[in-house]
Every structure is written in structure tokens, then in C-alpha cells.
Amino acid sequence: MSELRELIAQGEGERLEFKKKTTHPTRISRTLASLANTHGGRVLVGVDDDGRIVGVRDAEEEIYVLRQAAEHYVEPPLTLRFREVEDEGRVVVIVTVAESSRKPHRAQVADGDWRGYVRLHDESVQTSTMTEKVLENQPTQFERIPLNKEELAVLDYLRTHPRITLSEYMKLLNLGKRRAFRTLIKLTLHGYIRHHDREKEPFYTL
């Protein structure tokens, strides 16, 4: 199986996005910013949502639009890597976005309207101010620190549960809101857990 087909077989996820074509820099800039703000990843241009290889008509044009998006529609700008791969006569552009050390990146969605995005599963999700603060303070190389009982309790809980919210954590250890919140943010900043605020109530996962 070719590298391209192996990638497609993984399916879309946190580090992989399929795009039939790049329509406009503002559309793709959200995906690029979200990958750079999370763990980096790749965009396969010329692949349908269902994983079918449709190919691109003009690889140079696609790369031009992607460069425009990364340089003028993402702030701070991003540097992308491109590779053209051929499969049965169809060309797919593999775009590699590295995890950034200059987070948070914002994407321009309209004139004068810049928004932050992170990658959650296979979607680019708009961030809140809280997530942006976490991204700004996040060390590129996570500094692992010794954990106390309250912090270890979060990790133990998440090994057997898919997620935890602030209120669940407060109840679990009978903690006040400020102390519980400080603990969860500290664990997020040091890379032990991840903060998600896509839903009404933010939650944390391993």
C-alpha cells in the first residue's frame, strides 16, 4: 500500500484533514491555524471527505492558495511544507503543518475578524479566551513536574473516564472552584491533560 493510501486509511482525525480542493484562503486558514495550535498534522488536497482520491486539476494553483492562506490569512504567519504525490494518474498535494512554538495563531474569517482555532477530533473548533490563554503559556517542550495527590486524582479518574469537567472535579475531591480550576489549568499547561471548550461546559481529557 502506498504512503498516500496508508494515510487515507487512517481516516480524518486530529492530525489529518481531507480536502477535495482549496476554494478560498479564509476557508483553509482555519484548518491550518487549528493544526498549528494543536499537535500539527497534514492536509491531503485532492481527497474527498469519504477518502476517495479525486486529484487536483492544478497542483501549483492549490499550493499558491495554501501559501497565501498561511502567510496572509493566519497571524502569526505559518510556513508549510508541500509534496505532490501521484496515484493512478491523479495528483494529491500533501501539506504538512508543524505544531507551532508561536501559539496562538488566529485565522482571518472576514475583514478585520481574526479567530483562534484548535483541532478537536476531526474538526477545527473556535477557541475561547480561556483556551488562548492556555496556548499562550504552553511551553513548546512540556515540562513534566512532580504531581501532588489532587493532581494525580485527575489523571487516575481520566484513565477510566473519557472526560472530566470542573464541577465533576470539585465534587470528586470536595474542592473549592478556584483551587480546582488552578489545578486543572496547571495540568493543562504542563501537557498532562487537554482543555476543550467546544461545548457549553468546558471539559478535560488525557
N, C-alpha and C. Protein backbone atom coordinates (compact mmCIF):
# COMPACT_ATOMS: atom_id res chain seq x y z
N MET A 1 0.85 -1.19 0.00
CA MET A 1 0.00 0.00 0.00
C MET A 1 0.89 1.25 0.00
N SER A 2 0.56 2.23 -0.85
CA SER A 2 1.38 3.44 -0.92
C SER A 2 1.21 4.27 0.36
N GLU A 3 2.16 5.17 0.57
CA GLU A 3 2.11 6.04 1.75
C GLU A 3 0.81 6.85 1.76
N LEU A 4 0.41 7.33 0.58
CA LEU A 4 -0.82 8.12 0.47
C LEU A 4 -2.03 7.30 0.90
N ARG A 5 -2.12 6.07 0.38
CA ARG A 5 -3.27 5.23 0.72
C ARG A 5 -3.26 4.82 2.19
N GLU A 6 -2.07 4.65 2.76
CA GLU A 6 -1.96 4.34 4.19
C GLU A 6 -2.47 5.51 5.03
N LEU A 7 -2.11 6.73 4.60
CA LEU A 7 -2.58 7.93 5.31
C LEU A 7 -4.10 8.01 5.25
N ILE A 8 -4.66 7.82 4.04
CA ILE A 8 -6.11 7.91 3.86
C ILE A 8 -6.82 6.86 4.71
N ALA A 9 -6.22 5.68 4.80
CA ALA A 9 -6.83 4.58 5.58
C ALA A 9 -6.98 4.94 7.06
N GLN A 10 -6.14 5.86 7.56
CA GLN A 10 -6.26 6.29 8.96
C GLN A 10 -7.55 7.06 9.20
N GLY A 11 -8.07 7.68 8.13
CA GLY A 11 -9.28 8.49 8.26
C GLY A 11 -8.96 9.86 8.83
N GLU A 12 -9.90 10.79 8.64
CA GLU A 12 -9.69 12.14 9.17
C GLU A 12 -9.63 12.09 10.69
N GLY A 13 -8.80 12.93 11.27
CA GLY A 13 -8.68 12.94 12.72
C GLY A 13 -8.00 14.21 13.17
N GLU A 14 -7.47 14.15 14.39
CA GLU A 14 -6.86 15.35 14.97
C GLU A 14 -5.70 15.88 14.14
N ARG A 15 -4.95 14.96 13.48
CA ARG A 15 -3.76 15.40 12.73
C ARG A 15 -3.90 15.21 11.22
N LEU A 16 -5.13 14.93 10.76
CA LEU A 16 -5.29 14.66 9.33
C LEU A 16 -6.63 15.19 8.83
N GLU A 17 -6.56 15.95 7.71
CA GLU A 17 -7.77 16.52 7.12
C GLU A 17 -7.77 16.24 5.62
N PHE A 18 -8.94 15.86 5.07
CA PHE A 18 -9.07 15.67 3.63
C PHE A 18 -9.74 16.91 3.03
N LYS A 19 -9.24 17.37 1.89
CA LYS A 19 -9.87 18.49 1.19
C LYS A 19 -9.92 18.14 -0.29
N LYS A 20 -11.10 18.26 -0.88
CA LYS A 20 -11.25 18.00 -2.32
C LYS A 20 -10.42 19.03 -3.09
N LYS A 21 -10.57 20.30 -2.70
CA LYS A 21 -9.75 21.37 -3.29
C LYS A 21 -9.74 22.56 -2.34
N THR A 22 -8.80 23.47 -2.57
CA THR A 22 -8.71 24.67 -1.74
C THR A 22 -9.52 25.75 -2.41
N THR A 23 -10.67 26.09 -1.84
CA THR A 23 -11.54 27.06 -2.52
C THR A 23 -11.13 28.50 -2.27
N HIS A 24 -10.86 28.84 -1.00
CA HIS A 24 -10.51 30.23 -0.68
C HIS A 24 -9.59 30.24 0.53
N PRO A 25 -8.62 31.19 0.57
CA PRO A 25 -7.69 31.22 1.71
C PRO A 25 -8.38 31.29 3.08
N THR A 26 -9.52 32.01 3.19
CA THR A 26 -10.16 32.13 4.51
C THR A 26 -10.71 30.78 4.99
N ARG A 27 -11.13 29.93 4.05
CA ARG A 27 -11.69 28.63 4.45
C ARG A 27 -10.57 27.72 4.98
N ILE A 28 -9.47 27.64 4.25
CA ILE A 28 -8.39 26.72 4.62
C ILE A 28 -7.57 27.28 5.78
N SER A 29 -7.57 28.61 5.97
CA SER A 29 -6.75 29.21 7.05
C SER A 29 -7.18 28.69 8.43
N ARG A 30 -8.46 28.39 8.61
CA ARG A 30 -8.94 27.86 9.91
C ARG A 30 -8.30 26.50 10.20
N THR A 31 -8.27 25.66 9.16
CA THR A 31 -7.67 24.32 9.32
C THR A 31 -6.19 24.45 9.65
N LEU A 32 -5.48 25.32 8.90
CA LEU A 32 -4.03 25.49 9.11
C LEU A 32 -3.75 26.00 10.52
N ALA A 33 -4.51 27.01 10.96
CA ALA A 33 -4.30 27.58 12.30
C ALA A 33 -4.59 26.54 13.38
N SER A 34 -5.66 25.76 13.17
CA SER A 34 -6.05 24.77 14.20
C SER A 34 -4.99 23.68 14.35
N LEU A 35 -4.40 23.24 13.24
CA LEU A 35 -3.35 22.21 13.31
C LEU A 35 -2.10 22.77 13.99
N ALA A 36 -1.71 24.00 13.63
CA ALA A 36 -0.53 24.63 14.24
C ALA A 36 -0.73 24.86 15.73
N ASN A 37 -1.96 25.16 16.13
CA ASN A 37 -2.27 25.43 17.55
C ASN A 37 -2.37 24.14 18.36
N THR A 38 -2.54 22.99 17.70
CA THR A 38 -2.72 21.74 18.44
C THR A 38 -1.44 20.92 18.31
N HIS A 39 -1.45 19.82 17.58
CA HIS A 39 -0.26 18.96 17.52
C HIS A 39 0.37 18.91 16.13
N GLY A 40 -0.04 19.85 15.26
CA GLY A 40 0.44 19.77 13.89
C GLY A 40 -0.30 18.67 13.14
N GLY A 41 0.00 18.51 11.85
CA GLY A 41 -0.67 17.47 11.09
C GLY A 41 -0.56 17.71 9.60
N ARG A 42 -1.41 16.99 8.84
CA ARG A 42 -1.34 17.10 7.38
C ARG A 42 -2.72 17.31 6.77
N VAL A 43 -2.71 18.01 5.66
CA VAL A 43 -3.94 18.19 4.87
C VAL A 43 -3.68 17.53 3.53
N LEU A 44 -4.59 16.65 3.12
CA LEU A 44 -4.47 16.00 1.81
C LEU A 44 -5.43 16.69 0.86
N VAL A 45 -4.88 17.47 -0.07
CA VAL A 45 -5.73 18.19 -1.03
C VAL A 45 -5.84 17.34 -2.28
N GLY A 46 -7.11 17.04 -2.66
CA GLY A 46 -7.34 16.14 -3.79
C GLY A 46 -7.95 14.84 -3.29
N VAL A 47 -8.40 14.86 -2.02
CA VAL A 47 -9.04 13.67 -1.43
C VAL A 47 -10.40 14.09 -0.90
N ASP A 48 -11.43 13.37 -1.31
CA ASP A 48 -12.81 13.64 -0.91
C ASP A 48 -13.01 13.32 0.57
N ASP A 49 -14.10 13.85 1.17
CA ASP A 49 -14.40 13.58 2.59
C ASP A 49 -14.47 12.10 2.91
N ASP A 50 -14.92 11.30 1.93
CA ASP A 50 -15.07 9.85 2.18
C ASP A 50 -13.77 9.08 1.91
N GLY A 51 -12.66 9.83 1.63
CA GLY A 51 -11.37 9.16 1.43
C GLY A 51 -11.07 8.77 -0.01
N ARG A 52 -11.96 9.18 -0.93
CA ARG A 52 -11.74 8.86 -2.35
C ARG A 52 -10.71 9.81 -2.94
N ILE A 53 -9.76 9.28 -3.70
CA ILE A 53 -8.74 10.14 -4.34
C ILE A 53 -9.34 10.72 -5.62
N VAL A 54 -9.57 12.04 -5.61
CA VAL A 54 -10.15 12.68 -6.80
C VAL A 54 -9.07 13.45 -7.56
N GLY A 55 -7.97 13.80 -6.87
CA GLY A 55 -6.88 14.53 -7.51
C GLY A 55 -7.21 16.01 -7.67
N VAL A 56 -6.19 16.81 -7.93
CA VAL A 56 -6.40 18.24 -8.15
C VAL A 56 -6.14 18.55 -9.62
N ARG A 57 -6.79 19.62 -10.09
CA ARG A 57 -6.61 19.96 -11.50
C ARG A 57 -5.26 20.62 -11.73
N ASP A 58 -4.90 21.51 -10.77
CA ASP A 58 -3.65 22.27 -10.93
C ASP A 58 -2.96 22.36 -9.57
N ALA A 59 -1.95 21.52 -9.37
CA ALA A 59 -1.26 21.46 -8.07
C ALA A 59 -0.61 22.81 -7.73
N GLU A 60 -0.05 23.48 -8.74
CA GLU A 60 0.62 24.77 -8.50
C GLU A 60 -0.37 25.80 -7.95
N GLU A 61 -1.57 25.80 -8.50
CA GLU A 61 -2.59 26.75 -8.07
C GLU A 61 -3.00 26.47 -6.62
N GLU A 62 -3.17 25.17 -6.31
CA GLU A 62 -3.53 24.79 -4.93
C GLU A 62 -2.45 25.27 -3.95
N ILE A 63 -1.20 25.01 -4.30
CA ILE A 63 -0.08 25.40 -3.43
C ILE A 63 -0.03 26.92 -3.26
N TYR A 64 -0.32 27.65 -4.34
CA TYR A 64 -0.32 29.12 -4.28
C TYR A 64 -1.37 29.59 -3.27
N VAL A 65 -2.60 29.05 -3.35
CA VAL A 65 -3.68 29.46 -2.45
C VAL A 65 -3.32 29.11 -0.99
N LEU A 66 -2.73 27.92 -0.80
CA LEU A 66 -2.35 27.50 0.55
C LEU A 66 -1.26 28.42 1.13
N ARG A 67 -0.30 28.79 0.28
CA ARG A 67 0.76 29.72 0.75
C ARG A 67 0.15 31.07 1.12
N GLN A 68 -0.76 31.55 0.27
CA GLN A 68 -1.44 32.82 0.56
C GLN A 68 -2.15 32.75 1.91
N ALA A 69 -2.87 31.63 2.12
CA ALA A 69 -3.61 31.45 3.38
C ALA A 69 -2.67 31.47 4.57
N ALA A 70 -1.57 30.73 4.47
CA ALA A 70 -0.63 30.60 5.59
C ALA A 70 0.11 31.90 5.88
N GLU A 71 0.37 32.70 4.82
CA GLU A 71 1.18 33.91 5.01
C GLU A 71 0.34 35.16 5.28
N HIS A 72 -0.88 35.21 4.73
CA HIS A 72 -1.66 36.45 4.84
C HIS A 72 -2.97 36.29 5.61
N TYR A 73 -3.43 35.07 5.80
CA TYR A 73 -4.71 34.85 6.47
C TYR A 73 -4.55 34.14 7.81
N VAL A 74 -3.31 33.91 8.23
CA VAL A 74 -3.03 33.34 9.55
C VAL A 74 -2.04 34.28 10.23
N GLU A 75 -2.30 34.58 11.50
CA GLU A 75 -1.45 35.51 12.25
C GLU A 75 -1.07 34.88 13.59
N PRO A 76 0.22 34.76 13.97
CA PRO A 76 1.38 34.99 13.12
C PRO A 76 1.41 34.01 11.94
N PRO A 77 2.07 34.38 10.82
CA PRO A 77 2.06 33.54 9.62
C PRO A 77 2.70 32.16 9.86
N LEU A 78 2.34 31.22 9.00
CA LEU A 78 2.88 29.85 9.10
C LEU A 78 3.72 29.52 7.88
N THR A 79 4.69 28.62 8.06
CA THR A 79 5.46 28.10 6.93
C THR A 79 5.03 26.64 6.74
N LEU A 80 4.58 26.32 5.54
CA LEU A 80 4.09 24.96 5.26
C LEU A 80 5.09 24.18 4.42
N ARG A 81 4.97 22.85 4.47
CA ARG A 81 5.76 22.02 3.55
C ARG A 81 4.80 21.32 2.59
N PHE A 82 5.20 21.23 1.31
CA PHE A 82 4.32 20.65 0.29
C PHE A 82 4.99 19.48 -0.41
N ARG A 83 4.15 18.49 -0.75
CA ARG A 83 4.66 17.38 -1.55
C ARG A 83 3.54 16.95 -2.50
N GLU A 84 3.90 16.73 -3.75
CA GLU A 84 2.89 16.25 -4.72
C GLU A 84 3.07 14.74 -4.89
N VAL A 85 1.98 14.01 -4.75
CA VAL A 85 2.03 12.56 -4.88
C VAL A 85 1.04 12.14 -5.95
N GLU A 86 1.47 11.23 -6.82
CA GLU A 86 0.57 10.78 -7.89
C GLU A 86 0.05 9.39 -7.58
N ASP A 87 -1.24 9.19 -7.82
CA ASP A 87 -1.85 7.88 -7.61
C ASP A 87 -2.78 7.61 -8.79
N GLU A 88 -2.44 6.63 -9.60
CA GLU A 88 -3.24 6.27 -10.78
C GLU A 88 -3.59 7.50 -11.61
N GLY A 89 -2.57 8.33 -11.86
CA GLY A 89 -2.78 9.50 -12.72
C GLY A 89 -3.38 10.71 -12.03
N ARG A 90 -3.76 10.56 -10.77
CA ARG A 90 -4.34 11.70 -10.05
C ARG A 90 -3.31 12.27 -9.07
N VAL A 91 -3.22 13.59 -9.04
CA VAL A 91 -2.22 14.24 -8.17
C VAL A 91 -2.88 14.73 -6.88
N VAL A 92 -2.26 14.38 -5.75
CA VAL A 92 -2.71 14.84 -4.44
C VAL A 92 -1.58 15.67 -3.84
N VAL A 93 -1.94 16.82 -3.26
CA VAL A 93 -0.94 17.66 -2.59
C VAL A 93 -0.99 17.35 -1.09
N ILE A 94 0.15 16.90 -0.55
CA ILE A 94 0.24 16.65 0.89
C ILE A 94 0.85 17.88 1.54
N VAL A 95 0.07 18.52 2.41
CA VAL A 95 0.50 19.75 3.07
C VAL A 95 0.83 19.41 4.53
N THR A 96 2.06 19.70 4.95
CA THR A 96 2.45 19.41 6.33
C THR A 96 2.49 20.71 7.13
N VAL A 97 1.75 20.71 8.25
CA VAL A 97 1.71 21.86 9.16
C VAL A 97 2.37 21.42 10.47
N ALA A 98 3.45 22.08 10.84
CA ALA A 98 4.13 21.70 12.09
C ALA A 98 3.41 22.31 13.28
N GLU A 99 3.50 21.64 14.43
CA GLU A 99 2.99 22.26 15.66
C GLU A 99 3.83 23.51 15.91
N SER A 100 3.18 24.60 16.24
CA SER A 100 3.88 25.88 16.33
C SER A 100 4.43 26.17 17.71
N SER A 101 5.53 26.93 17.73
CA SER A 101 6.07 27.40 19.01
C SER A 101 5.64 28.86 19.23
N ARG A 102 4.79 29.36 18.32
CA ARG A 102 4.34 30.76 18.43
C ARG A 102 2.82 30.83 18.61
N LYS A 103 2.27 29.95 19.41
CA LYS A 103 0.82 29.93 19.62
C LYS A 103 0.39 31.14 20.46
N PRO A 104 -0.88 31.56 20.38
CA PRO A 104 -1.92 31.04 19.49
C PRO A 104 -1.89 31.73 18.12
N HIS A 105 -2.25 30.96 17.09
CA HIS A 105 -2.41 31.51 15.74
C HIS A 105 -3.89 31.79 15.53
N ARG A 106 -4.17 32.89 14.85
CA ARG A 106 -5.58 33.20 14.54
C ARG A 106 -5.76 33.22 13.03
N ALA A 107 -6.95 32.83 12.60
CA ALA A 107 -7.27 32.81 11.17
C ALA A 107 -8.22 33.96 10.86
N GLN A 108 -8.04 34.57 9.69
CA GLN A 108 -8.95 35.65 9.28
C GLN A 108 -10.18 35.02 8.63
N VAL A 109 -11.34 35.26 9.26
CA VAL A 109 -12.57 34.66 8.71
C VAL A 109 -13.37 35.69 7.90
N ALA A 110 -13.10 36.98 8.16
CA ALA A 110 -13.71 38.07 7.40
C ALA A 110 -12.82 39.29 7.60
N ASP A 111 -13.10 40.38 6.88
CA ASP A 111 -12.28 41.59 7.02
C ASP A 111 -12.23 42.03 8.48
N GLY A 112 -11.02 42.11 9.03
CA GLY A 112 -10.87 42.58 10.41
C GLY A 112 -11.33 41.61 11.47
N ASP A 113 -11.73 40.40 11.09
CA ASP A 113 -12.23 39.41 12.05
C ASP A 113 -11.28 38.21 12.10
N TRP A 114 -10.47 38.16 13.16
CA TRP A 114 -9.48 37.09 13.33
C TRP A 114 -9.88 36.22 14.50
N ARG A 115 -9.89 34.91 14.31
CA ARG A 115 -10.32 34.00 15.38
C ARG A 115 -9.35 32.84 15.55
N GLY A 116 -9.24 32.38 16.78
CA GLY A 116 -8.38 31.24 17.08
C GLY A 116 -9.12 29.93 16.90
N TYR A 117 -8.39 28.89 16.48
CA TYR A 117 -8.99 27.56 16.30
C TYR A 117 -8.04 26.50 16.85
N VAL A 118 -8.62 25.43 17.39
CA VAL A 118 -7.83 24.26 17.77
C VAL A 118 -8.46 23.04 17.11
N ARG A 119 -7.72 21.96 17.10
CA ARG A 119 -8.20 20.73 16.47
C ARG A 119 -8.81 19.84 17.54
N LEU A 120 -10.04 19.46 17.36
CA LEU A 120 -10.71 18.55 18.29
C LEU A 120 -11.28 17.40 17.46
N HIS A 121 -10.71 16.21 17.62
CA HIS A 121 -11.05 15.06 16.78
C HIS A 121 -10.79 15.44 15.31
N ASP A 122 -11.83 15.43 14.46
CA ASP A 122 -11.55 15.75 13.04
C ASP A 122 -12.10 17.12 12.66
N GLU A 123 -12.26 17.99 13.67
CA GLU A 123 -12.82 19.31 13.37
C GLU A 123 -11.92 20.44 13.84
N SER A 124 -12.02 21.58 13.15
CA SER A 124 -11.33 22.80 13.59
C SER A 124 -12.34 23.61 14.38
N VAL A 125 -12.10 23.76 15.67
CA VAL A 125 -13.09 24.34 16.57
C VAL A 125 -12.60 25.69 17.07
N GLN A 126 -13.50 26.68 17.06
CA GLN A 126 -13.12 28.02 17.51
C GLN A 126 -12.78 28.00 19.00
N THR A 127 -11.74 28.75 19.37
CA THR A 127 -11.31 28.76 20.77
C THR A 127 -11.99 29.88 21.54
N SER A 128 -11.95 29.73 22.85
CA SER A 128 -12.43 30.82 23.71
C SER A 128 -11.20 31.54 24.24
N THR A 129 -11.41 32.60 24.98
CA THR A 129 -10.29 33.35 25.57
C THR A 129 -9.49 32.44 26.49
N MET A 130 -10.20 31.56 27.19
CA MET A 130 -9.55 30.65 28.13
C MET A 130 -8.53 29.76 27.41
N THR A 131 -8.94 29.14 26.31
CA THR A 131 -8.03 28.26 25.57
C THR A 131 -6.84 29.06 25.05
N GLU A 132 -7.09 30.27 24.58
CA GLU A 132 -6.00 31.08 24.04
C GLU A 132 -4.96 31.40 25.12
N LYS A 133 -5.44 31.66 26.35
CA LYS A 133 -4.50 31.91 27.46
C LYS A 133 -3.63 30.68 27.68
N VAL A 134 -4.28 29.51 27.64
CA VAL A 134 -3.55 28.25 27.85
C VAL A 134 -2.51 28.08 26.74
N LEU A 135 -2.90 28.35 25.48
CA LEU A 135 -1.98 28.21 24.35
C LEU A 135 -0.79 29.17 24.47
N GLU A 136 -1.08 30.40 24.89
CA GLU A 136 -0.02 31.41 25.02
C GLU A 136 1.04 30.98 26.03
N ASN A 137 0.57 30.34 27.12
CA ASN A 137 1.50 29.99 28.19
C ASN A 137 2.07 28.59 28.07
N GLN A 138 1.66 27.90 27.00
CA GLN A 138 2.06 26.50 26.87
C GLN A 138 3.51 26.40 26.41
N PRO A 139 4.37 25.72 27.19
CA PRO A 139 5.74 25.56 26.72
C PRO A 139 5.76 24.63 25.52
N THR A 140 6.68 24.87 24.57
CA THR A 140 6.74 24.00 23.39
C THR A 140 7.13 22.60 23.82
N GLN A 141 8.17 22.51 24.64
CA GLN A 141 8.52 21.21 25.22
C GLN A 141 7.89 21.18 26.59
N PHE A 142 6.91 20.29 26.76
CA PHE A 142 6.23 20.24 28.05
C PHE A 142 7.20 19.91 29.17
N GLU A 143 7.10 20.67 30.23
CA GLU A 143 7.97 20.45 31.37
C GLU A 143 7.20 19.56 32.34
N ARG A 144 7.66 18.33 32.48
CA ARG A 144 6.97 17.41 33.38
C ARG A 144 7.34 17.76 34.82
N ILE A 145 6.33 17.83 35.68
CA ILE A 145 6.57 18.27 37.06
C ILE A 145 6.06 17.20 38.03
N PRO A 146 6.60 17.15 39.25
CA PRO A 146 6.06 16.18 40.23
C PRO A 146 4.63 16.59 40.58
N LEU A 147 3.75 15.63 40.69
CA LEU A 147 2.33 15.93 40.93
C LEU A 147 1.94 15.59 42.37
N ASN A 148 1.02 16.40 42.92
CA ASN A 148 0.50 16.09 44.26
C ASN A 148 -0.73 15.19 44.15
N LYS A 149 -1.31 14.83 45.29
CA LYS A 149 -2.44 13.89 45.32
C LYS A 149 -3.63 14.39 44.52
N GLU A 150 -3.92 15.68 44.65
CA GLU A 150 -5.09 16.25 43.95
C GLU A 150 -4.90 16.17 42.43
N GLU A 151 -3.67 16.40 41.98
CA GLU A 151 -3.38 16.37 40.55
C GLU A 151 -3.40 14.93 40.02
N LEU A 152 -2.83 14.03 40.82
CA LEU A 152 -2.81 12.61 40.41
C LEU A 152 -4.23 12.05 40.34
N ALA A 153 -5.11 12.55 41.20
CA ALA A 153 -6.51 12.07 41.23
C ALA A 153 -7.20 12.35 39.89
N VAL A 154 -6.85 13.50 39.25
CA VAL A 154 -7.45 13.84 37.95
C VAL A 154 -7.02 12.80 36.91
N LEU A 155 -5.72 12.48 36.90
CA LEU A 155 -5.19 11.53 35.91
C LEU A 155 -5.77 10.14 36.13
N ASP A 156 -5.89 9.73 37.41
CA ASP A 156 -6.48 8.42 37.71
C ASP A 156 -7.92 8.35 37.21
N TYR A 157 -8.67 9.42 37.46
CA TYR A 157 -10.07 9.47 37.03
C TYR A 157 -10.16 9.37 35.51
N LEU A 158 -9.28 10.10 34.80
CA LEU A 158 -9.34 10.13 33.33
C LEU A 158 -8.86 8.83 32.69
N ARG A 159 -8.18 8.00 33.44
CA ARG A 159 -7.77 6.70 32.87
C ARG A 159 -8.97 5.76 32.72
N THR A 160 -10.01 6.03 33.51
CA THR A 160 -11.21 5.15 33.45
C THR A 160 -12.45 5.90 32.95
N HIS A 161 -12.35 7.21 32.75
CA HIS A 161 -13.48 8.00 32.24
C HIS A 161 -12.99 8.82 31.05
N PRO A 162 -13.85 9.05 30.05
CA PRO A 162 -13.39 9.76 28.84
C PRO A 162 -13.07 11.24 29.08
N ARG A 163 -13.72 11.86 30.09
CA ARG A 163 -13.54 13.31 30.31
C ARG A 163 -13.91 13.68 31.73
N ILE A 164 -13.51 14.90 32.13
CA ILE A 164 -13.92 15.43 33.44
C ILE A 164 -14.16 16.92 33.28
N THR A 165 -15.19 17.44 33.98
CA THR A 165 -15.47 18.87 33.96
C THR A 165 -15.00 19.47 35.29
N LEU A 166 -14.97 20.79 35.35
CA LEU A 166 -14.56 21.47 36.58
C LEU A 166 -15.47 21.07 37.74
N SER A 167 -16.79 21.09 37.50
CA SER A 167 -17.74 20.76 38.58
C SER A 167 -17.58 19.30 39.04
N GLU A 168 -17.32 18.38 38.10
CA GLU A 168 -17.11 16.98 38.48
C GLU A 168 -15.85 16.83 39.33
N TYR A 169 -14.81 17.58 38.97
CA TYR A 169 -13.56 17.51 39.72
C TYR A 169 -13.73 18.10 41.12
N MET A 170 -14.48 19.20 41.22
CA MET A 170 -14.75 19.82 42.53
C MET A 170 -15.46 18.82 43.45
N LYS A 171 -16.45 18.12 42.86
CA LYS A 171 -17.23 17.14 43.63
C LYS A 171 -16.36 15.94 44.02
N LEU A 172 -15.54 15.49 43.08
CA LEU A 172 -14.69 14.32 43.29
C LEU A 172 -13.78 14.49 44.51
N LEU A 173 -13.18 15.68 44.62
CA LEU A 173 -12.22 15.89 45.72
C LEU A 173 -12.69 16.90 46.75
N ASN A 174 -13.96 17.33 46.62
CA ASN A 174 -14.53 18.29 47.56
C ASN A 174 -13.67 19.56 47.64
N LEU A 175 -13.39 20.14 46.47
CA LEU A 175 -12.53 21.32 46.40
C LEU A 175 -13.35 22.56 46.04
N GLY A 176 -12.83 23.72 46.42
CA GLY A 176 -13.43 24.98 46.01
C GLY A 176 -13.12 25.23 44.54
N LYS A 177 -13.92 26.12 43.92
CA LYS A 177 -13.81 26.35 42.48
C LYS A 177 -12.42 26.86 42.07
N ARG A 178 -11.89 27.87 42.79
CA ARG A 178 -10.61 28.47 42.38
C ARG A 178 -9.48 27.45 42.43
N ARG A 179 -9.47 26.68 43.53
CA ARG A 179 -8.38 25.70 43.70
C ARG A 179 -8.47 24.61 42.62
N ALA A 180 -9.70 24.14 42.37
CA ALA A 180 -9.90 23.08 41.37
C ALA A 180 -9.50 23.60 39.98
N PHE A 181 -9.90 24.82 39.66
CA PHE A 181 -9.61 25.41 38.36
C PHE A 181 -8.10 25.56 38.17
N ARG A 182 -7.42 26.07 39.23
CA ARG A 182 -5.96 26.25 39.17
C ARG A 182 -5.26 24.92 38.89
N THR A 183 -5.73 23.85 39.55
CA THR A 183 -5.12 22.53 39.36
C THR A 183 -5.28 22.06 37.91
N LEU A 184 -6.50 22.19 37.39
CA LEU A 184 -6.77 21.72 36.02
C LEU A 184 -5.96 22.52 34.99
N ILE A 185 -5.84 23.83 35.20
CA ILE A 185 -5.08 24.65 34.25
C ILE A 185 -3.59 24.32 34.35
N LYS A 186 -3.10 24.10 35.57
CA LYS A 186 -1.69 23.73 35.75
C LYS A 186 -1.39 22.43 35.00
N LEU A 187 -2.28 21.45 35.12
CA LEU A 187 -2.08 20.16 34.42
C LEU A 187 -2.15 20.35 32.90
N THR A 188 -3.00 21.28 32.46
CA THR A 188 -3.10 21.55 31.01
C THR A 188 -1.82 22.20 30.50
N LEU A 189 -1.33 23.19 31.25
CA LEU A 189 -0.13 23.92 30.83
C LEU A 189 1.10 23.02 30.75
N HIS A 190 1.13 22.00 31.60
CA HIS A 190 2.29 21.11 31.60
C HIS A 190 2.08 19.86 30.75
N GLY A 191 0.98 19.86 29.99
CA GLY A 191 0.80 18.80 28.99
C GLY A 191 0.28 17.47 29.52
N TYR A 192 -0.20 17.44 30.76
CA TYR A 192 -0.73 16.17 31.29
C TYR A 192 -2.15 15.92 30.79
N ILE A 193 -2.95 16.98 30.69
CA ILE A 193 -4.33 16.83 30.20
C ILE A 193 -4.58 17.91 29.16
N ARG A 194 -5.72 17.79 28.47
CA ARG A 194 -6.07 18.77 27.45
C ARG A 194 -7.41 19.41 27.74
N HIS A 195 -7.48 20.72 27.47
CA HIS A 195 -8.66 21.51 27.76
C HIS A 195 -9.50 21.66 26.49
N HIS A 196 -10.80 21.39 26.58
CA HIS A 196 -11.71 21.54 25.43
C HIS A 196 -12.85 22.46 25.84
N ASP A 197 -13.17 23.44 25.00
CA ASP A 197 -14.31 24.30 25.38
C ASP A 197 -15.30 24.43 24.24
N ARG A 198 -15.47 23.34 23.52
CA ARG A 198 -16.36 23.36 22.37
C ARG A 198 -17.83 23.32 22.82
N GLU A 199 -18.08 22.70 23.95
CA GLU A 199 -19.45 22.57 24.43
C GLU A 199 -19.76 23.62 25.48
N LYS A 200 -21.03 23.61 25.97
CA LYS A 200 -21.46 24.62 26.92
C LYS A 200 -20.56 24.65 28.15
N GLU A 201 -20.24 23.46 28.65
CA GLU A 201 -19.35 23.39 29.81
C GLU A 201 -17.99 22.83 29.37
N PRO A 202 -16.90 23.60 29.57
CA PRO A 202 -15.58 23.08 29.18
C PRO A 202 -15.27 21.76 29.88
N PHE A 203 -14.44 20.92 29.24
CA PHE A 203 -14.07 19.65 29.86
C PHE A 203 -12.61 19.35 29.56
N TYR A 204 -12.09 18.33 30.22
CA TYR A 204 -10.67 17.99 30.13
C TYR A 204 -10.54 16.51 29.78
N THR A 205 -9.54 16.19 28.96
CA THR A 205 -9.27 14.78 28.59
C THR A 205 -7.77 14.53 28.72
N LEU A 206 -7.42 13.26 28.69
CA LEU A 206 -5.97 12.93 28.72
C LEU A 206 -5.34 13.28 27.38
